[in-house]
Amino acid sequence: MTRAISTSKELDAGLHWKASDTSTDVVADSIGRLLRQADHLGGDHVSLRTMNLIVAPDPHRATAHQAGTRETALHPARMIRLIEHKEDRLDAEVRVRLIEVGDAGMHVLVEDINIHANTSRLAHARSLVAPLLARGLPTVAWLPGYDHGEVALSLSETAHVTVFDSDRDPDPARAIAFAHEVALKHPSRDLAWLRTLEWRRRISAGFQSEQAQGTLAFVPSGDVVGDVHSPSAMLLAAWIAVRADVNVTLRPGAGHAPVEGVSVAGMTISPGSGDPCSSGQLHEALDTVYAAPLGYEDALQALDRVAIVA
């Protein structure tokens, strides 16, 4: 009984390793050693991961690297955070911890790996993380910033799916250009697109009847009211244009949300209670790792069909 209590406390606290001026091969060895130590401690847990999740540096939001607890609880992952520092050396920290997954109370081992490196090392992020990836799992690159440079380019070469948020970029043209570029290379998940999900559901529901569909031929137009600089609003307007085959105008709203109102063929789509454009979190993007987001690439291709009123 004493040993069981000790095991629970040790795993709950997390098995920890830290080193300065090290190499990724040494870090990989430490991960294996901590996992073997966790197995030796015993207890009612399994080492079950659904993905490798690489978090790129974010110079604009330092707290981005504090995030991840909720994501790993919903999607057990080997999480590798890349953190930029000025020193010309590689520092690392590894923690193997126990989390509870699902309503059944299953306890799962996950690994948190922090890699601190300078700009020149991070430019080779692909080779930097390669020894640390758990084999046989999809690799997801989460880009929390918006000025995607060499790090994003390098990670996109090793990641199966790239996740980013176009709405974070203060330059919507740059954000859309990056979304286009990534979508052409490999699967991507844009949180700006996920934020339009509830609106798309309500628009589709509004045109289920043949009578409603018939109005599209007589009133081939649509209006989206919201933030004319928001990629979410632009993507929704483009989706309406290609899905309903109508001309769509994006008009400025009161500034309360990316999308404040929608009308298609004279039919006003009710926003319902709350903000149907407030979702689009990282955990929702991870939910779709194994399923491509339908309509996203079509919306990207149809952006030129949207007339924006500034």
Protein backbone atom coordinates (compact mmCIF):
# COMPACT_ATOMS: atom_id res chain seq x y z
CA MET A 1 0.00 0.00 0.00
CA THR A 2 2.85 2.38 0.81
CA ARG A 3 4.43 1.70 -2.58
CA ALA A 4 1.16 2.44 -4.40
CA ILE A 5 0.84 5.81 -2.66
CA SER A 6 4.46 6.66 -3.48
CA THR A 7 3.97 5.65 -7.12
CA SER A 8 0.89 7.85 -7.44
CA LYS A 9 2.65 10.87 -5.96
CA GLU A 10 5.75 10.47 -8.12
CA LEU A 11 3.80 10.13 -11.36
CA ASP A 12 1.33 12.88 -10.47
CA ALA A 13 4.25 15.24 -9.84
CA GLY A 14 5.89 14.14 -13.10
CA LEU A 15 9.24 12.51 -13.72
CA HIS A 16 11.68 15.26 -14.62
CA TRP A 17 14.98 15.73 -16.49
CA LYS A 18 16.75 18.96 -17.41
CA ALA A 19 20.08 19.80 -19.05
CA SER A 20 21.97 22.77 -20.47
CA ASP A 21 24.20 22.72 -23.56
CA THR A 22 23.01 19.30 -24.66
CA SER A 23 21.99 17.55 -27.91
CA THR A 24 18.71 16.13 -29.18
CA ASP A 25 20.17 12.59 -29.06
CA VAL A 26 20.76 13.03 -25.32
CA VAL A 27 17.23 14.41 -24.95
CA ALA A 28 15.82 11.37 -26.80
CA ASP A 29 17.72 9.05 -24.46
CA SER A 30 16.32 10.88 -21.44
CA ILE A 31 12.75 10.43 -22.74
CA GLY A 32 13.25 6.68 -23.01
CA ARG A 33 14.84 6.54 -19.57
CA LEU A 34 11.96 8.45 -17.92
CA LEU A 35 9.38 6.22 -19.64
CA ARG A 36 11.17 3.11 -18.41
CA GLN A 37 11.26 4.62 -14.92
CA ALA A 38 7.51 5.25 -15.10
CA ASP A 39 6.91 1.63 -16.12
CA HIS A 40 9.09 0.47 -13.23
CA LEU A 41 7.00 2.48 -10.78
CA GLY A 42 3.94 0.53 -11.92
CA GLY A 43 0.45 1.80 -11.30
CA ASP A 44 -2.73 1.66 -13.33
CA HIS A 45 -1.67 3.65 -16.40
CA VAL A 46 -0.80 3.20 -20.06
CA SER A 47 1.53 4.99 -22.47
CA LEU A 48 -1.02 5.97 -25.12
CA ARG A 49 -0.48 8.88 -27.48
CA THR A 50 -2.49 10.01 -30.46
CA MET A 51 0.09 12.32 -32.03
CA ASN A 52 3.34 14.24 -31.84
CA LEU A 53 2.45 17.89 -31.24
CA ILE A 54 5.19 20.40 -32.03
CA VAL A 55 4.63 23.96 -30.80
CA ALA A 56 6.63 26.55 -32.76
CA PRO A 57 8.04 29.67 -31.07
CA ASP A 58 5.74 32.67 -30.73
CA PRO A 59 7.63 35.94 -30.22
CA HIS A 60 4.36 37.85 -29.85
CA ARG A 61 2.80 35.84 -27.08
CA ALA A 62 5.11 34.27 -24.54
CA THR A 63 2.21 32.57 -22.75
CA ALA A 64 1.59 30.36 -25.77
CA HIS A 65 4.12 27.91 -24.38
CA GLN A 66 2.24 27.71 -21.10
CA ALA A 67 -0.72 26.30 -22.99
CA GLY A 68 -1.13 22.64 -23.74
CA THR A 69 -2.56 21.06 -20.61
CA ARG A 70 -6.09 21.01 -21.99
CA GLU A 71 -4.93 19.88 -25.43
CA THR A 72 -2.94 16.92 -24.10
CA ALA A 73 -5.81 15.96 -21.81
CA LEU A 74 -8.14 15.73 -24.80
CA HIS A 75 -5.50 14.43 -27.23
CA PRO A 76 -2.70 12.57 -25.42
CA ALA A 77 0.44 13.67 -27.22
CA ARG A 78 4.18 13.84 -27.08
CA MET A 79 4.37 17.63 -26.92
CA ILE A 80 7.56 19.31 -28.11
CA ARG A 81 7.74 23.05 -27.48
CA LEU A 82 10.37 25.00 -29.39
CA ILE A 83 11.40 28.10 -27.44
CA GLU A 84 13.80 30.71 -28.75
CA HIS A 85 16.64 32.05 -26.64
CA LYS A 86 19.76 34.06 -27.50
CA GLU A 87 22.44 31.66 -26.21
CA ASP A 88 24.33 29.63 -28.81
CA ARG A 89 23.52 26.31 -27.19
CA LEU A 90 20.67 23.86 -26.86
CA ASP A 91 18.95 23.56 -23.48
CA ALA A 92 16.23 21.03 -22.83
CA GLU A 93 13.72 19.89 -20.24
CA VAL A 94 11.63 16.72 -20.26
CA ARG A 95 8.74 15.81 -18.00
CA VAL A 96 6.77 12.56 -18.13
CA ARG A 97 3.44 13.08 -16.39
CA LEU A 98 0.22 11.25 -15.73
CA ILE A 99 -3.08 12.63 -17.03
CA GLU A 100 -6.66 11.40 -16.82
CA VAL A 101 -8.42 10.89 -20.14
CA GLY A 102 -12.15 10.46 -20.72
CA ASP A 103 -15.03 9.76 -18.37
CA ALA A 104 -13.76 6.27 -17.59
CA GLY A 105 -10.84 7.70 -15.64
CA MET A 106 -8.10 6.11 -17.76
CA HIS A 107 -4.65 7.30 -16.73
CA VAL A 108 -2.22 7.94 -19.58
CA LEU A 109 1.47 8.82 -19.67
CA VAL A 110 2.41 11.81 -21.83
CA GLU A 111 5.70 13.58 -22.44
CA ASP A 112 6.32 17.34 -22.30
CA ILE A 113 9.57 18.36 -23.97
CA ASN A 114 10.89 21.93 -23.97
CA ILE A 115 13.71 22.72 -26.40
CA HIS A 116 15.45 26.09 -26.01
CA ALA A 117 17.59 27.13 -29.00
CA ASN A 118 18.75 30.21 -30.86
CA THR A 119 17.47 31.40 -34.22
CA SER A 120 20.08 29.59 -36.32
CA ARG A 121 19.31 26.24 -34.69
CA LEU A 122 15.55 26.74 -34.89
CA ALA A 123 15.86 27.38 -38.62
CA HIS A 124 16.66 23.65 -38.85
CA ALA A 125 13.65 22.65 -36.74
CA ARG A 126 13.03 19.56 -38.85
CA SER A 127 16.35 17.92 -37.93
CA LEU A 128 16.09 19.33 -34.41
CA VAL A 129 12.87 17.48 -33.57
CA ALA A 130 13.42 14.36 -35.70
CA PRO A 131 15.09 12.27 -32.93
CA LEU A 132 12.33 13.24 -30.48
CA LEU A 133 9.26 12.10 -32.43
CA ALA A 134 7.34 9.02 -31.34
CA ARG A 135 7.27 6.67 -34.31
CA GLY A 136 4.07 5.57 -36.00
CA LEU A 137 2.09 8.65 -34.99
CA PRO A 138 0.97 11.67 -37.03
CA THR A 139 2.99 14.80 -36.38
CA VAL A 140 1.10 18.07 -35.96
CA ALA A 141 2.86 21.45 -36.07
CA TRP A 142 1.05 24.21 -34.15
CA LEU A 143 2.14 27.70 -35.24
CA PRO A 144 0.82 30.05 -32.54
CA GLY A 145 2.41 33.18 -34.04
CA TYR A 146 1.77 34.86 -37.34
CA ASP A 147 5.12 35.89 -38.84
CA HIS A 148 5.91 32.41 -40.10
CA GLY A 149 9.50 32.18 -41.26
CA GLU A 150 12.19 29.54 -41.50
CA VAL A 151 10.92 27.62 -38.47
CA ALA A 152 7.44 27.17 -39.97
CA LEU A 153 8.95 26.21 -43.32
CA SER A 154 11.19 23.61 -41.70
CA LEU A 155 8.39 22.15 -39.56
CA SER A 156 6.04 21.94 -42.54
CA GLU A 157 8.50 19.51 -44.11
CA THR A 158 8.16 17.04 -41.25
CA ALA A 159 4.58 17.64 -40.05
CA HIS A 160 1.65 15.70 -41.45
CA VAL A 161 -0.71 18.56 -40.53
CA THR A 162 0.03 22.23 -39.86
CA VAL A 163 -2.29 24.20 -37.56
CA PHE A 164 -2.34 28.00 -37.54
CA ASP A 165 -4.69 30.92 -36.94
CA SER A 166 -5.08 33.43 -39.76
CA ASP A 167 -7.12 35.74 -37.52
CA ARG A 168 -4.04 36.43 -35.37
CA ASP A 169 -2.19 38.10 -38.22
CA PRO A 170 -2.72 41.90 -38.33
CA ASP A 171 -2.12 41.67 -42.10
CA PRO A 172 -5.05 39.66 -43.57
CA ALA A 173 -3.51 39.58 -47.06
CA ARG A 174 -0.36 37.97 -45.66
CA ALA A 175 -2.45 35.54 -43.61
CA ILE A 176 -4.50 34.42 -46.60
CA ALA A 177 -1.36 34.10 -48.73
CA PHE A 178 0.22 31.84 -46.09
CA ALA A 179 -2.98 29.77 -45.85
CA HIS A 180 -2.91 29.30 -49.63
CA GLU A 181 0.76 28.31 -49.57
CA VAL A 182 0.35 25.73 -46.83
CA ALA A 183 -2.84 24.23 -48.29
CA LEU A 184 -1.04 23.59 -51.58
CA LYS A 185 1.77 21.65 -49.87
CA HIS A 186 0.06 19.45 -47.31
CA PRO A 187 -3.01 19.23 -45.02
CA SER A 188 -3.60 22.27 -42.83
CA ARG A 189 -6.09 23.40 -40.21
CA ASP A 190 -6.83 27.12 -39.96
CA LEU A 191 -8.59 28.12 -36.74
CA ALA A 192 -10.08 31.05 -38.65
CA TRP A 193 -11.93 28.51 -40.80
CA LEU A 194 -13.05 26.48 -37.78
CA ARG A 195 -14.62 29.63 -36.32
CA THR A 196 -17.09 29.66 -39.19
CA LEU A 197 -18.40 26.16 -38.42
CA GLU A 198 -21.59 27.18 -36.60
CA TRP A 199 -22.45 29.74 -39.27
CA ARG A 200 -21.94 27.13 -42.00
CA ARG A 201 -24.15 24.68 -40.15
CA ARG A 202 -26.94 27.23 -39.79
CA ILE A 203 -26.71 28.37 -43.38
CA SER A 204 -26.85 24.77 -44.61
CA ALA A 205 -29.82 24.06 -42.34
CA GLY A 206 -31.63 27.13 -43.67
CA PHE A 207 -31.44 25.85 -47.24
CA GLN A 208 -32.44 22.25 -46.74
CA SER A 209 -35.88 22.72 -48.26
CA GLU A 210 -36.41 22.82 -52.03
CA GLN A 211 -38.31 26.09 -51.69
CA ALA A 212 -35.35 27.78 -49.98
CA GLN A 213 -32.95 26.39 -52.56
CA GLY A 214 -35.15 27.73 -55.32
CA THR A 215 -34.73 31.30 -54.10
CA LEU A 216 -31.02 31.13 -54.97
CA ALA A 217 -31.86 31.25 -58.68
CA PHE A 218 -34.02 34.37 -58.28
CA VAL A 219 -31.88 36.23 -55.72
CA PRO A 220 -28.30 35.10 -56.43
CA SER A 221 -26.63 37.22 -53.78
CA GLY A 222 -25.45 37.08 -50.20
CA ASP A 223 -24.24 39.45 -47.51
CA VAL A 224 -21.87 38.87 -44.63
CA VAL A 225 -21.62 41.58 -41.98
CA GLY A 226 -18.64 41.64 -39.66
CA ASP A 227 -14.96 42.47 -39.59
CA VAL A 228 -13.92 43.06 -43.19
CA HIS A 229 -10.29 42.46 -42.16
CA SER A 230 -10.99 39.07 -40.57
CA PRO A 231 -9.96 35.97 -42.52
CA SER A 232 -12.84 34.16 -40.76
CA ALA A 233 -15.35 36.54 -42.32
CA MET A 234 -13.60 36.39 -45.70
CA LEU A 235 -13.53 32.59 -45.73
CA LEU A 236 -17.20 32.35 -44.75
CA ALA A 237 -18.20 34.78 -47.48
CA ALA A 238 -16.15 32.83 -50.03
CA TRP A 239 -17.68 29.54 -48.87
CA ILE A 240 -21.17 30.97 -49.38
CA ALA A 241 -20.19 32.18 -52.85
CA VAL A 242 -18.92 28.80 -53.99
CA ARG A 243 -21.48 26.67 -52.16
CA ALA A 244 -24.56 28.63 -53.18
CA ASP A 245 -23.07 29.96 -56.44
CA VAL A 246 -24.06 33.54 -55.62
CA ASN A 247 -22.36 36.92 -55.50
CA VAL A 248 -21.38 37.79 -51.92
CA THR A 249 -20.59 41.14 -50.34
CA LEU A 250 -18.65 41.46 -47.08
CA ARG A 251 -19.75 44.60 -45.21
CA PRO A 252 -18.37 46.20 -42.01
CA GLY A 253 -20.27 45.58 -38.80
CA ALA A 254 -20.17 47.08 -35.34
CA GLY A 255 -16.89 45.38 -34.48
CA HIS A 256 -18.29 42.89 -31.98
CA ALA A 257 -17.23 39.69 -33.74
CA PRO A 258 -15.59 38.43 -36.95
CA VAL A 259 -19.08 37.65 -38.28
CA GLU A 260 -22.14 39.46 -36.95
CA GLY A 261 -24.80 38.63 -39.51
CA VAL A 262 -25.45 36.65 -42.68
CA SER A 263 -28.15 36.78 -45.31
CA VAL A 264 -28.33 34.60 -48.42
CA ALA A 265 -30.86 35.06 -51.23
CA GLY A 266 -32.83 37.42 -49.02
CA MET A 267 -32.99 34.93 -46.15
CA THR A 268 -31.51 36.16 -42.86
CA ILE A 269 -29.60 33.49 -40.98
CA SER A 270 -30.13 33.78 -37.26
CA PRO A 271 -26.94 33.81 -35.17
CA GLY A 272 -28.80 32.23 -32.28
CA SER A 273 -27.62 32.63 -28.70
CA GLY A 274 -23.99 33.45 -28.07
CA ASP A 275 -21.38 34.06 -30.73
CA PRO A 276 -21.37 31.30 -33.36
CA CYS A 277 -17.97 32.53 -34.53
CA SER A 278 -16.16 32.33 -31.19
CA SER A 279 -14.90 28.74 -31.48
CA GLY A 280 -11.87 27.59 -33.37
CA GLN A 281 -9.53 26.53 -30.59
CA LEU A 282 -6.49 24.32 -30.90
CA HIS A 283 -8.27 21.26 -29.49
CA GLU A 284 -10.92 21.54 -32.21
CA ALA A 285 -8.22 21.56 -34.88
CA LEU A 286 -6.66 18.46 -33.34
CA ASP A 287 -10.05 16.75 -33.50
CA THR A 288 -9.83 16.90 -37.29
CA VAL A 289 -6.28 15.61 -37.74
CA TYR A 290 -7.59 12.43 -39.36
CA ALA A 291 -10.36 14.11 -41.38
CA ALA A 292 -9.85 16.87 -43.93
CA PRO A 293 -11.93 20.04 -43.36
CA LEU A 294 -14.53 19.97 -46.13
CA GLY A 295 -14.95 23.19 -48.08
CA TYR A 296 -11.84 24.95 -46.80
CA GLU A 297 -9.75 24.76 -49.96
CA ASP A 298 -12.81 25.64 -52.08
CA ALA A 299 -13.28 28.76 -49.94
CA LEU A 300 -9.62 29.73 -50.37
CA GLN A 301 -9.99 29.44 -54.13
CA ALA A 302 -13.20 31.50 -54.17
CA LEU A 303 -12.00 34.56 -52.23
CA ASP A 304 -11.93 36.60 -55.44
CA ARG A 305 -15.71 36.14 -55.67
CA VAL A 306 -16.23 38.27 -52.55
CA ALA A 307 -16.76 42.03 -52.87
CA ILE A 308 -15.43 43.77 -49.76
CA VAL A 309 -16.96 47.09 -48.73
CA ALA A 310 -14.44 48.93 -46.57
